[in-house]
């Protein structure tokens, strides 16, 4: 696991973690959708999401921490400055809420995730498009299937469709030079040798 760094407003991060002792964190298909629902509740007010991939025993997100807290419900309309403590609390609440639900559903006890989730600041725009590709390619990298495009639990297809999404789709497609180049880039053979600084312990 990489050195822990604070998640600071206005900065981009590759965020990732795996199950405790490499245990599966998504025992059933329906667990993926439930996790994303919790993610929207706890993380969307404090971070923008550019790409993600959920796998059976770990996940990856590319996010940017917001500078202003943006409530997702009409019941709370006030905005405020995002502080690092709010970000840590948001991720902690996400992990705890999901762990509690899984423990109750599957009659298990104890921690579901590793003690700390990995976070690496992405400082250069040079990394953005290649990191998005790396995140989408992850199911194939780990042998879950032979073509990552067939994995249903990543953000890949959201960039090719016109359906509403909470992802920062337009910004990501701009990094690639448009939807056609996004797809072309993802059809290339993977080359992640120069991504070691932002990949982490995957």
N, C-alpha and C. Protein backbone atom coordinates (compact mmCIF):
# COMPACT_ATOMS: atom_id res chain seq x y z
N UNK A 1 0.84 -1.20 0.00
CA UNK A 1 0.00 0.00 0.00
C UNK A 1 0.88 1.25 0.00
N UNK A 2 0.46 2.24 -0.79
CA UNK A 2 1.22 3.47 -0.88
C UNK A 2 1.12 4.28 0.41
N UNK A 3 2.05 5.23 0.56
CA UNK A 3 2.03 6.14 1.70
C UNK A 3 0.70 6.90 1.70
N UNK A 4 0.09 7.02 2.87
CA UNK A 4 -1.19 7.71 2.98
C UNK A 4 -0.99 9.22 2.84
N UNK A 5 -1.75 9.81 1.94
CA UNK A 5 -1.70 11.26 1.76
C UNK A 5 -3.10 11.81 1.97
N UNK A 6 -3.21 13.05 2.46
CA UNK A 6 -4.55 13.62 2.67
C UNK A 6 -5.21 13.90 1.33
N UNK A 7 -6.53 13.81 1.31
CA UNK A 7 -7.30 14.13 0.12
C UNK A 7 -7.68 15.61 0.20
N UNK A 8 -7.07 16.43 -0.63
CA UNK A 8 -7.21 17.88 -0.53
C UNK A 8 -8.13 18.42 -1.62
N UNK A 9 -8.95 19.42 -1.27
CA UNK A 9 -9.86 20.03 -2.25
C UNK A 9 -9.12 20.53 -3.49
N UNK A 10 -9.76 20.33 -4.65
CA UNK A 10 -9.22 20.82 -5.90
C UNK A 10 -8.22 19.89 -6.57
N UNK A 11 -7.87 18.77 -5.93
CA UNK A 11 -6.87 17.86 -6.48
C UNK A 11 -7.51 16.55 -6.97
N UNK A 12 -6.81 15.94 -7.94
CA UNK A 12 -7.25 14.67 -8.52
C UNK A 12 -6.55 13.51 -7.82
N UNK A 13 -7.28 12.40 -7.64
CA UNK A 13 -6.70 11.23 -6.98
C UNK A 13 -7.16 9.93 -7.64
N UNK A 14 -6.26 8.98 -7.67
CA UNK A 14 -6.61 7.59 -7.95
C UNK A 14 -6.85 6.94 -6.59
N UNK A 15 -8.08 6.50 -6.36
CA UNK A 15 -8.47 5.91 -5.08
C UNK A 15 -8.79 4.44 -5.30
N UNK A 16 -8.28 3.59 -4.42
CA UNK A 16 -8.45 2.15 -4.61
C UNK A 16 -8.33 1.42 -3.28
N UNK A 17 -8.94 0.26 -3.20
CA UNK A 17 -8.77 -0.61 -2.04
C UNK A 17 -9.24 -1.99 -2.40
N UNK A 18 -8.93 -2.96 -1.55
CA UNK A 18 -9.35 -4.33 -1.78
C UNK A 18 -9.96 -4.90 -0.51
N UNK A 19 -10.53 -6.07 -0.63
CA UNK A 19 -11.11 -6.73 0.51
C UNK A 19 -10.05 -7.15 1.52
N UNK A 20 -10.44 -7.16 2.79
CA UNK A 20 -9.53 -7.60 3.85
C UNK A 20 -9.09 -9.04 3.56
N UNK A 21 -7.78 -9.27 3.58
CA UNK A 21 -7.23 -10.59 3.24
C UNK A 21 -7.66 -11.03 1.84
N UNK A 22 -7.86 -10.05 0.96
CA UNK A 22 -8.25 -10.28 -0.44
C UNK A 22 -9.61 -10.98 -0.56
N UNK A 23 -10.43 -10.82 0.45
CA UNK A 23 -11.77 -11.38 0.44
C UNK A 23 -12.63 -10.65 -0.58
N UNK A 24 -13.59 -11.36 -1.18
CA UNK A 24 -14.53 -10.72 -2.09
C UNK A 24 -15.35 -9.67 -1.35
N UNK A 25 -15.51 -8.52 -1.97
CA UNK A 25 -16.34 -7.47 -1.36
C UNK A 25 -17.69 -7.35 -2.07
N UNK A 26 -17.82 -8.03 -3.20
CA UNK A 26 -19.09 -8.06 -3.93
C UNK A 26 -19.50 -9.52 -4.15
N UNK A 27 -20.10 -10.15 -3.15
CA UNK A 27 -20.45 -11.57 -3.26
C UNK A 27 -21.48 -11.87 -4.34
N UNK A 28 -22.38 -10.92 -4.63
CA UNK A 28 -23.43 -11.12 -5.63
C UNK A 28 -23.52 -9.92 -6.55
N UNK A 29 -24.16 -10.12 -7.70
CA UNK A 29 -24.29 -9.05 -8.69
C UNK A 29 -24.97 -7.81 -8.10
N UNK A 30 -26.00 -8.02 -7.29
CA UNK A 30 -26.75 -6.88 -6.77
C UNK A 30 -25.92 -6.01 -5.82
N UNK A 31 -24.82 -6.55 -5.31
CA UNK A 31 -23.98 -5.78 -4.40
C UNK A 31 -23.31 -4.60 -5.09
N UNK A 32 -22.99 -4.75 -6.37
CA UNK A 32 -22.32 -3.67 -7.11
C UNK A 32 -23.20 -2.42 -7.16
N UNK A 33 -24.46 -2.62 -7.52
CA UNK A 33 -25.39 -1.48 -7.62
C UNK A 33 -25.60 -0.83 -6.26
N UNK A 34 -25.66 -1.65 -5.21
CA UNK A 34 -25.88 -1.10 -3.88
C UNK A 34 -24.67 -0.26 -3.44
N UNK A 35 -23.47 -0.74 -3.76
CA UNK A 35 -22.27 0.01 -3.41
C UNK A 35 -22.26 1.36 -4.14
N UNK A 36 -22.60 1.37 -5.43
CA UNK A 36 -22.62 2.63 -6.18
C UNK A 36 -23.67 3.59 -5.63
N UNK A 37 -24.78 3.05 -5.15
CA UNK A 37 -25.79 3.90 -4.52
C UNK A 37 -25.23 4.58 -3.28
N UNK A 38 -24.55 3.81 -2.45
CA UNK A 38 -23.91 4.39 -1.26
C UNK A 38 -22.82 5.39 -1.65
N UNK A 39 -22.09 5.06 -2.71
CA UNK A 39 -21.04 5.96 -3.19
C UNK A 39 -21.63 7.31 -3.58
N UNK A 40 -22.74 7.29 -4.29
CA UNK A 40 -23.38 8.54 -4.68
C UNK A 40 -23.83 9.33 -3.45
N UNK A 41 -24.34 8.63 -2.46
CA UNK A 41 -24.83 9.31 -1.25
C UNK A 41 -23.71 9.97 -0.46
N UNK A 42 -22.59 9.25 -0.31
CA UNK A 42 -21.53 9.70 0.59
C UNK A 42 -20.40 10.47 -0.11
N UNK A 43 -20.12 10.15 -1.38
CA UNK A 43 -18.95 10.73 -2.04
C UNK A 43 -19.32 11.82 -3.04
N UNK A 44 -20.44 11.69 -3.73
CA UNK A 44 -20.79 12.70 -4.75
C UNK A 44 -20.87 14.13 -4.20
N UNK A 45 -21.29 14.34 -2.95
CA UNK A 45 -21.30 15.73 -2.45
C UNK A 45 -19.91 16.33 -2.28
N UNK A 46 -18.87 15.49 -2.21
CA UNK A 46 -17.54 16.00 -1.92
C UNK A 46 -16.53 15.73 -3.03
N UNK A 47 -16.91 14.97 -4.06
CA UNK A 47 -15.95 14.64 -5.11
C UNK A 47 -16.64 14.43 -6.45
N UNK A 48 -15.94 14.82 -7.52
CA UNK A 48 -16.37 14.52 -8.88
C UNK A 48 -15.72 13.22 -9.31
N UNK A 49 -16.46 12.40 -10.04
CA UNK A 49 -15.94 11.10 -10.46
C UNK A 49 -15.73 11.08 -11.96
N UNK A 50 -14.55 10.64 -12.38
CA UNK A 50 -14.17 10.62 -13.80
C UNK A 50 -14.13 9.22 -14.37
N UNK A 51 -13.86 8.23 -13.56
CA UNK A 51 -13.85 6.84 -14.01
C UNK A 51 -13.88 5.93 -12.80
N UNK A 52 -14.39 4.70 -12.99
CA UNK A 52 -14.37 3.74 -11.90
C UNK A 52 -14.41 2.32 -12.46
N UNK A 53 -14.05 1.39 -11.63
CA UNK A 53 -14.22 -0.03 -11.93
C UNK A 53 -14.36 -0.77 -10.62
N UNK A 54 -15.41 -1.56 -10.50
CA UNK A 54 -15.64 -2.40 -9.33
C UNK A 54 -15.36 -3.84 -9.73
N UNK A 55 -14.47 -4.51 -9.00
CA UNK A 55 -14.18 -5.92 -9.23
C UNK A 55 -14.57 -6.72 -8.00
N UNK A 56 -14.54 -8.04 -8.12
CA UNK A 56 -15.06 -8.87 -7.02
C UNK A 56 -14.37 -8.57 -5.69
N UNK A 57 -13.06 -8.31 -5.71
CA UNK A 57 -12.36 -8.12 -4.44
C UNK A 57 -11.65 -6.78 -4.30
N UNK A 58 -11.86 -5.85 -5.25
CA UNK A 58 -11.29 -4.51 -5.08
C UNK A 58 -11.97 -3.53 -6.03
N UNK A 59 -11.64 -2.24 -5.88
CA UNK A 59 -12.21 -1.24 -6.77
C UNK A 59 -11.21 -0.12 -7.03
N UNK A 60 -11.49 0.65 -8.10
CA UNK A 60 -10.68 1.81 -8.48
C UNK A 60 -11.61 2.96 -8.82
N UNK A 61 -11.22 4.18 -8.43
CA UNK A 61 -11.91 5.40 -8.83
C UNK A 61 -10.88 6.46 -9.19
N UNK A 62 -11.21 7.28 -10.19
CA UNK A 62 -10.45 8.50 -10.46
C UNK A 62 -11.38 9.65 -10.11
N UNK A 63 -10.98 10.45 -9.13
CA UNK A 63 -11.86 11.50 -8.62
C UNK A 63 -11.11 12.83 -8.51
N UNK A 64 -11.89 13.88 -8.39
CA UNK A 64 -11.36 15.19 -8.04
C UNK A 64 -12.15 15.68 -6.83
N UNK A 65 -11.46 16.06 -5.77
CA UNK A 65 -12.13 16.54 -4.57
C UNK A 65 -12.69 17.94 -4.84
N UNK A 66 -13.96 18.12 -4.54
CA UNK A 66 -14.59 19.42 -4.75
C UNK A 66 -14.09 20.44 -3.73
N UNK A 67 -14.24 21.70 -4.07
CA UNK A 67 -13.87 22.76 -3.14
C UNK A 67 -15.08 23.24 -2.34
N UNK A 68 -16.27 22.89 -2.84
CA UNK A 68 -17.51 23.26 -2.16
C UNK A 68 -18.38 22.03 -2.01
N UNK A 69 -18.88 21.81 -0.81
CA UNK A 69 -19.77 20.69 -0.55
C UNK A 69 -21.09 20.91 -1.27
N UNK A 70 -21.53 19.91 -2.03
CA UNK A 70 -22.76 20.04 -2.83
C UNK A 70 -23.74 18.95 -2.43
N UNK A 71 -24.72 19.26 -1.60
CA UNK A 71 -25.68 18.26 -1.14
C UNK A 71 -26.42 17.63 -2.31
N UNK A 72 -26.74 16.33 -2.19
CA UNK A 72 -27.43 15.61 -3.26
C UNK A 72 -28.93 15.58 -3.07
N UNK A 73 -29.42 16.03 -1.93
CA UNK A 73 -30.85 16.00 -1.66
C UNK A 73 -31.38 17.41 -1.48
N UNK A 74 -32.65 17.59 -1.78
CA UNK A 74 -33.27 18.91 -1.63
C UNK A 74 -33.51 19.27 -0.17
N UNK A 75 -33.38 18.27 0.71
CA UNK A 75 -33.61 18.52 2.12
C UNK A 75 -32.48 19.36 2.73
N UNK A 76 -31.29 19.29 2.10
CA UNK A 76 -30.16 20.08 2.57
C UNK A 76 -29.70 20.96 1.42
N UNK A 77 -29.90 22.24 1.51
CA UNK A 77 -29.61 23.13 0.39
C UNK A 77 -28.36 23.97 0.59
N UNK A 78 -27.86 24.04 1.81
CA UNK A 78 -26.72 24.92 2.06
C UNK A 78 -25.42 24.29 1.56
N UNK A 79 -24.50 25.13 1.11
CA UNK A 79 -23.20 24.68 0.68
C UNK A 79 -22.15 25.24 1.64
N UNK A 80 -20.99 24.58 1.66
CA UNK A 80 -19.92 25.03 2.54
C UNK A 80 -18.59 24.58 1.95
N UNK A 81 -17.52 25.09 2.50
CA UNK A 81 -16.18 24.72 2.04
C UNK A 81 -15.90 23.27 2.40
N UNK A 82 -15.33 22.53 1.43
CA UNK A 82 -14.94 21.14 1.69
C UNK A 82 -13.61 21.13 2.43
N UNK A 83 -13.57 20.45 3.56
CA UNK A 83 -12.35 20.32 4.35
C UNK A 83 -11.84 18.88 4.27
N UNK A 84 -10.53 18.66 4.40
CA UNK A 84 -10.00 17.30 4.35
C UNK A 84 -10.70 16.34 5.31
N UNK A 85 -11.09 16.84 6.48
CA UNK A 85 -11.77 15.97 7.44
C UNK A 85 -13.12 15.50 6.90
N UNK A 86 -13.80 16.35 6.14
CA UNK A 86 -15.08 15.97 5.55
C UNK A 86 -14.88 14.86 4.53
N UNK A 87 -13.80 14.93 3.78
CA UNK A 87 -13.51 13.93 2.76
C UNK A 87 -13.22 12.58 3.41
N UNK A 88 -12.37 12.59 4.42
CA UNK A 88 -12.05 11.34 5.13
C UNK A 88 -13.30 10.74 5.75
N UNK A 89 -14.15 11.60 6.31
CA UNK A 89 -15.38 11.12 6.93
C UNK A 89 -16.32 10.52 5.87
N UNK A 90 -16.36 11.13 4.69
CA UNK A 90 -17.22 10.62 3.63
C UNK A 90 -16.82 9.21 3.22
N UNK A 91 -15.53 9.00 3.01
CA UNK A 91 -15.07 7.66 2.62
C UNK A 91 -15.24 6.67 3.76
N UNK A 92 -15.00 7.11 4.98
CA UNK A 92 -15.20 6.24 6.13
C UNK A 92 -16.66 5.82 6.25
N UNK A 93 -17.57 6.78 6.07
CA UNK A 93 -19.00 6.46 6.14
C UNK A 93 -19.41 5.50 5.04
N UNK A 94 -18.85 5.67 3.84
CA UNK A 94 -19.13 4.75 2.74
C UNK A 94 -18.71 3.33 3.08
N UNK A 95 -17.47 3.18 3.52
CA UNK A 95 -16.95 1.84 3.83
C UNK A 95 -17.72 1.20 4.98
N UNK A 96 -18.01 1.99 6.01
CA UNK A 96 -18.70 1.46 7.18
C UNK A 96 -20.13 1.05 6.84
N UNK A 97 -20.83 1.89 6.06
CA UNK A 97 -22.21 1.58 5.70
C UNK A 97 -22.28 0.32 4.86
N UNK A 98 -21.36 0.18 3.91
CA UNK A 98 -21.36 -1.00 3.04
C UNK A 98 -20.98 -2.25 3.84
N UNK A 99 -19.97 -2.13 4.69
CA UNK A 99 -19.55 -3.27 5.51
C UNK A 99 -20.68 -3.74 6.42
N UNK A 100 -21.36 -2.79 7.04
CA UNK A 100 -22.47 -3.15 7.93
C UNK A 100 -23.55 -3.92 7.17
N UNK A 101 -23.88 -3.46 5.95
CA UNK A 101 -24.91 -4.13 5.16
C UNK A 101 -24.47 -5.53 4.74
N UNK A 102 -23.22 -5.68 4.31
CA UNK A 102 -22.72 -6.99 3.89
C UNK A 102 -22.64 -7.94 5.08
N UNK A 103 -22.17 -7.45 6.22
CA UNK A 103 -22.09 -8.30 7.42
C UNK A 103 -23.46 -8.81 7.83
N UNK A 104 -24.45 -7.94 7.76
CA UNK A 104 -25.80 -8.34 8.14
C UNK A 104 -26.38 -9.33 7.14
N UNK A 105 -26.19 -9.06 5.85
CA UNK A 105 -26.76 -9.90 4.80
C UNK A 105 -26.16 -11.29 4.79
N UNK A 106 -24.84 -11.38 5.00
CA UNK A 106 -24.14 -12.66 4.84
C UNK A 106 -23.64 -13.23 6.17
N UNK A 107 -24.17 -12.72 7.26
CA UNK A 107 -23.87 -13.25 8.60
C UNK A 107 -22.37 -13.35 8.85
N UNK A 108 -21.68 -12.27 8.54
CA UNK A 108 -20.24 -12.23 8.79
C UNK A 108 -19.95 -11.14 9.81
N UNK A 109 -18.74 -11.10 10.33
CA UNK A 109 -18.33 -10.09 11.29
C UNK A 109 -16.97 -9.54 10.90
N UNK A 110 -16.63 -8.39 11.45
CA UNK A 110 -15.30 -7.83 11.24
C UNK A 110 -15.20 -6.95 10.02
N UNK A 111 -13.98 -6.48 9.77
CA UNK A 111 -13.72 -5.56 8.67
C UNK A 111 -13.85 -6.24 7.33
N UNK A 112 -14.44 -5.55 6.37
CA UNK A 112 -14.56 -6.07 5.01
C UNK A 112 -13.42 -5.57 4.14
N UNK A 113 -12.95 -4.35 4.41
CA UNK A 113 -11.92 -3.73 3.58
C UNK A 113 -10.58 -3.70 4.32
N UNK A 114 -9.51 -3.47 3.56
CA UNK A 114 -8.21 -3.24 4.17
C UNK A 114 -8.29 -2.06 5.13
N UNK A 115 -7.32 -1.96 6.02
CA UNK A 115 -7.37 -0.93 7.05
C UNK A 115 -7.45 0.46 6.45
N UNK A 116 -6.68 0.76 5.41
CA UNK A 116 -6.70 2.08 4.76
C UNK A 116 -6.88 1.90 3.26
N UNK A 117 -7.65 2.80 2.66
CA UNK A 117 -7.77 2.75 1.21
C UNK A 117 -6.62 3.53 0.58
N UNK A 118 -6.16 3.06 -0.56
CA UNK A 118 -5.06 3.73 -1.23
C UNK A 118 -5.52 4.99 -1.93
N UNK A 119 -4.66 5.97 -1.94
CA UNK A 119 -4.96 7.22 -2.63
C UNK A 119 -3.65 7.80 -3.15
N UNK A 120 -3.60 8.10 -4.44
CA UNK A 120 -2.40 8.68 -5.05
C UNK A 120 -2.82 9.92 -5.83
N UNK A 121 -2.20 11.03 -5.54
CA UNK A 121 -2.52 12.25 -6.26
C UNK A 121 -2.07 12.14 -7.71
N UNK A 122 -2.92 12.57 -8.62
CA UNK A 122 -2.59 12.59 -10.04
C UNK A 122 -2.26 14.03 -10.39
N UNK A 123 -0.98 14.31 -10.54
CA UNK A 123 -0.53 15.70 -10.65
C UNK A 123 -0.41 16.19 -12.09
N UNK A 124 -0.28 15.28 -13.03
CA UNK A 124 -0.04 15.68 -14.41
C UNK A 124 -1.18 15.26 -15.32
N UNK A 125 -1.66 16.17 -16.18
CA UNK A 125 -2.70 15.81 -17.15
C UNK A 125 -2.26 14.67 -18.07
N UNK A 126 -0.94 14.48 -18.19
CA UNK A 126 -0.40 13.41 -19.03
C UNK A 126 -0.93 12.05 -18.59
N UNK A 127 -1.24 11.91 -17.31
CA UNK A 127 -1.67 10.62 -16.78
C UNK A 127 -3.17 10.36 -16.97
N UNK A 128 -3.98 11.40 -17.15
CA UNK A 128 -5.42 11.26 -17.03
C UNK A 128 -6.01 10.20 -17.96
N UNK A 129 -5.79 10.36 -19.26
CA UNK A 129 -6.40 9.42 -20.21
C UNK A 129 -5.87 8.02 -20.03
N UNK A 130 -4.59 7.87 -19.75
CA UNK A 130 -4.01 6.54 -19.60
C UNK A 130 -4.47 5.87 -18.30
N UNK A 131 -4.71 6.67 -17.26
CA UNK A 131 -5.22 6.11 -16.02
C UNK A 131 -6.67 5.67 -16.18
N UNK A 132 -7.47 6.43 -16.93
CA UNK A 132 -8.84 6.02 -17.22
C UNK A 132 -8.83 4.67 -17.93
N UNK A 133 -7.96 4.52 -18.92
CA UNK A 133 -7.83 3.25 -19.64
C UNK A 133 -7.41 2.14 -18.68
N UNK A 134 -6.44 2.42 -17.83
CA UNK A 134 -5.97 1.40 -16.88
C UNK A 134 -7.11 0.94 -15.97
N UNK A 135 -7.90 1.88 -15.47
CA UNK A 135 -9.02 1.53 -14.59
C UNK A 135 -10.02 0.65 -15.33
N UNK A 136 -10.36 1.00 -16.56
CA UNK A 136 -11.31 0.21 -17.34
C UNK A 136 -10.75 -1.16 -17.69
N UNK A 137 -9.44 -1.24 -17.91
CA UNK A 137 -8.78 -2.49 -18.33
C UNK A 137 -8.63 -3.48 -17.18
N UNK A 138 -8.82 -3.03 -15.95
CA UNK A 138 -8.50 -3.83 -14.78
C UNK A 138 -9.13 -5.23 -14.74
N UNK A 139 -10.38 -5.41 -15.14
CA UNK A 139 -10.95 -6.78 -15.10
C UNK A 139 -10.18 -7.75 -15.98
N UNK A 140 -9.70 -7.28 -17.11
CA UNK A 140 -8.91 -8.14 -17.99
C UNK A 140 -7.52 -8.36 -17.41
N UNK A 141 -6.94 -7.33 -16.82
CA UNK A 141 -5.62 -7.43 -16.21
C UNK A 141 -5.59 -8.52 -15.15
N UNK A 142 -6.68 -8.65 -14.39
CA UNK A 142 -6.73 -9.62 -13.30
C UNK A 142 -7.38 -10.94 -13.70
N UNK A 143 -7.68 -11.09 -14.98
CA UNK A 143 -8.17 -12.37 -15.47
C UNK A 143 -9.63 -12.68 -15.18
N UNK A 144 -10.44 -11.66 -14.89
CA UNK A 144 -11.85 -11.91 -14.64
C UNK A 144 -12.59 -12.26 -15.94
N UNK A 145 -12.05 -11.78 -17.07
CA UNK A 145 -12.59 -12.10 -18.38
C UNK A 145 -11.55 -11.72 -19.42
N UNK A 146 -11.77 -12.11 -20.66
CA UNK A 146 -10.75 -11.92 -21.69
C UNK A 146 -10.84 -10.57 -22.38
N UNK A 147 -11.95 -9.85 -22.22
CA UNK A 147 -12.11 -8.54 -22.84
C UNK A 147 -12.79 -7.61 -21.84
N UNK A 148 -12.07 -6.60 -21.38
CA UNK A 148 -12.58 -5.69 -20.35
C UNK A 148 -13.85 -4.97 -20.78
N UNK A 149 -14.08 -4.85 -22.10
CA UNK A 149 -15.26 -4.16 -22.60
C UNK A 149 -16.55 -4.88 -22.22
N UNK A 150 -16.44 -6.15 -21.87
CA UNK A 150 -17.61 -6.93 -21.49
C UNK A 150 -17.91 -6.87 -20.00
N UNK A 151 -17.04 -6.21 -19.24
CA UNK A 151 -17.27 -6.11 -17.79
C UNK A 151 -18.36 -5.09 -17.51
N UNK A 152 -19.42 -5.46 -16.80
CA UNK A 152 -20.55 -4.55 -16.62
C UNK A 152 -20.41 -3.54 -15.49
N UNK A 153 -19.36 -3.67 -14.68
CA UNK A 153 -19.28 -2.86 -13.46
C UNK A 153 -18.15 -1.82 -13.52
N UNK A 154 -18.00 -1.19 -14.68
CA UNK A 154 -17.05 -0.09 -14.82
C UNK A 154 -17.76 1.06 -15.54
N UNK A 155 -17.06 2.18 -15.63
CA UNK A 155 -17.64 3.36 -16.27
C UNK A 155 -17.44 3.36 -17.78
N UNK A 156 -16.81 2.35 -18.34
CA UNK A 156 -16.43 2.36 -19.76
C UNK A 156 -17.62 2.67 -20.67
N UNK A 157 -18.72 1.92 -20.53
CA UNK A 157 -19.84 2.07 -21.46
C UNK A 157 -20.58 3.40 -21.27
N UNK A 158 -20.47 3.99 -20.10
CA UNK A 158 -21.14 5.27 -19.86
C UNK A 158 -20.61 6.36 -20.78
N UNK A 159 -19.36 6.20 -21.26
CA UNK A 159 -18.78 7.21 -22.13
C UNK A 159 -19.18 7.01 -23.59
N UNK A 160 -19.70 5.85 -23.93
CA UNK A 160 -20.10 5.56 -25.30
C UNK A 160 -21.59 5.77 -25.52
N UNK A 161 -22.36 5.82 -24.44
CA UNK A 161 -23.80 5.99 -24.53
C UNK A 161 -24.19 7.43 -24.21
N UNK A 162 -25.40 7.78 -24.53
CA UNK A 162 -25.88 9.13 -24.26
C UNK A 162 -26.82 9.19 -23.06
N UNK A 163 -26.84 8.13 -22.28
CA UNK A 163 -27.71 8.09 -21.11
C UNK A 163 -27.20 9.05 -20.04
N UNK A 164 -28.09 9.58 -19.20
CA UNK A 164 -27.65 10.46 -18.11
C UNK A 164 -26.65 9.75 -17.20
N UNK A 165 -25.67 10.48 -16.73
CA UNK A 165 -24.65 9.92 -15.85
C UNK A 165 -24.15 11.00 -14.91
N UNK A 166 -23.73 10.58 -13.73
CA UNK A 166 -23.14 11.52 -12.78
C UNK A 166 -21.63 11.66 -13.01
N UNK A 167 -21.07 10.86 -13.93
CA UNK A 167 -19.66 10.97 -14.27
C UNK A 167 -19.38 12.30 -14.97
N UNK A 168 -18.14 12.76 -14.90
CA UNK A 168 -17.73 13.95 -15.64
C UNK A 168 -17.39 13.53 -17.07
N UNK A 169 -18.42 13.10 -17.79
CA UNK A 169 -18.24 12.48 -19.10
C UNK A 169 -17.61 13.43 -20.12
N UNK A 170 -18.13 14.63 -20.20
CA UNK A 170 -17.63 15.57 -21.21
C UNK A 170 -16.15 15.88 -21.00
N UNK A 171 -15.75 16.04 -19.75
CA UNK A 171 -14.34 16.35 -19.48
C UNK A 171 -13.44 15.18 -19.84
N UNK A 172 -13.89 13.96 -19.53
CA UNK A 172 -13.08 12.78 -19.85
C UNK A 172 -12.95 12.62 -21.37
N UNK A 173 -14.05 12.76 -22.09
CA UNK A 173 -13.99 12.63 -23.55
C UNK A 173 -13.10 13.72 -24.15
N UNK A 174 -13.06 14.88 -23.54
CA UNK A 174 -12.17 15.94 -24.01
C UNK A 174 -10.71 15.55 -23.83
N UNK A 175 -10.39 14.84 -22.73
CA UNK A 175 -9.01 14.36 -22.53
C UNK A 175 -8.59 13.47 -23.68
N UNK A 176 -9.54 12.68 -24.21
CA UNK A 176 -9.23 11.73 -25.27
C UNK A 176 -9.37 12.35 -26.67
N UNK A 177 -9.93 13.54 -26.75
CA UNK A 177 -10.14 14.15 -28.05
C UNK A 177 -11.44 13.76 -28.70
N UNK A 178 -12.42 13.32 -27.89
CA UNK A 178 -13.72 12.96 -28.42
C UNK A 178 -14.05 11.49 -28.23
N UNK A 179 -15.32 11.16 -28.48
CA UNK A 179 -15.80 9.79 -28.24
C UNK A 179 -15.09 8.77 -29.15
N UNK A 180 -14.88 9.12 -30.42
CA UNK A 180 -14.24 8.18 -31.33
C UNK A 180 -12.82 7.86 -30.89
N UNK A 181 -12.08 8.88 -30.46
CA UNK A 181 -10.71 8.65 -30.00
C UNK A 181 -10.70 7.94 -28.66
N UNK A 182 -11.71 8.17 -27.84
CA UNK A 182 -11.84 7.42 -26.59
C UNK A 182 -11.91 5.93 -26.88
N UNK A 183 -12.77 5.55 -27.82
CA UNK A 183 -12.93 4.14 -28.16
C UNK A 183 -11.67 3.59 -28.83
N UNK A 184 -11.08 4.38 -29.73
CA UNK A 184 -9.85 3.94 -30.40
C UNK A 184 -8.72 3.72 -29.40
N UNK A 185 -8.58 4.64 -28.45
CA UNK A 185 -7.54 4.53 -27.43
C UNK A 185 -7.71 3.25 -26.62
N UNK A 186 -8.95 2.91 -26.30
CA UNK A 186 -9.22 1.70 -25.52
C UNK A 186 -9.05 0.42 -26.33
N UNK A 187 -8.94 0.55 -27.65
CA UNK A 187 -8.71 -0.63 -28.49
C UNK A 187 -7.23 -0.93 -28.66
N UNK A 188 -6.38 -0.05 -28.18
CA UNK A 188 -4.94 -0.25 -28.31
C UNK A 188 -4.43 -1.27 -27.30
N UNK A 189 -3.31 -1.94 -27.60
CA UNK A 189 -2.70 -2.84 -26.61
C UNK A 189 -2.32 -2.05 -25.36
N UNK A 190 -2.52 -2.62 -24.18
CA UNK A 190 -2.21 -1.88 -22.94
C UNK A 190 -0.72 -1.64 -22.77
N UNK A 191 -0.39 -0.47 -22.29
CA UNK A 191 0.99 -0.11 -21.98
C UNK A 191 0.96 0.78 -20.75
N UNK A 192 1.24 0.17 -19.58
CA UNK A 192 1.14 0.90 -18.33
C UNK A 192 2.49 1.06 -17.64
N UNK A 193 3.58 0.87 -18.39
CA UNK A 193 4.89 0.92 -17.77
C UNK A 193 5.20 2.27 -17.15
N UNK A 194 4.70 3.34 -17.74
CA UNK A 194 4.99 4.68 -17.22
C UNK A 194 3.91 5.21 -16.28
N UNK A 195 3.04 4.30 -15.82
CA UNK A 195 1.97 4.70 -14.93
C UNK A 195 2.23 4.30 -13.47
N UNK A 196 3.41 3.80 -13.20
CA UNK A 196 3.69 3.26 -11.87
C UNK A 196 3.46 4.27 -10.75
N UNK A 197 3.66 5.54 -11.03
CA UNK A 197 3.51 6.58 -10.00
C UNK A 197 2.06 6.76 -9.57
N UNK A 198 1.09 6.37 -10.43
CA UNK A 198 -0.31 6.62 -10.09
C UNK A 198 -1.14 5.34 -10.04
N UNK A 199 -0.53 4.19 -10.31
CA UNK A 199 -1.26 2.93 -10.25
C UNK A 199 -1.37 2.41 -8.82
N UNK A 200 -0.26 2.42 -8.10
CA UNK A 200 -0.27 1.92 -6.74
C UNK A 200 -0.13 0.42 -6.66
N UNK A 201 -0.47 -0.14 -5.53
CA UNK A 201 -0.31 -1.57 -5.25
C UNK A 201 -1.59 -2.30 -5.66
N UNK A 202 -1.67 -2.66 -6.92
CA UNK A 202 -2.88 -3.27 -7.47
C UNK A 202 -2.65 -4.78 -7.62
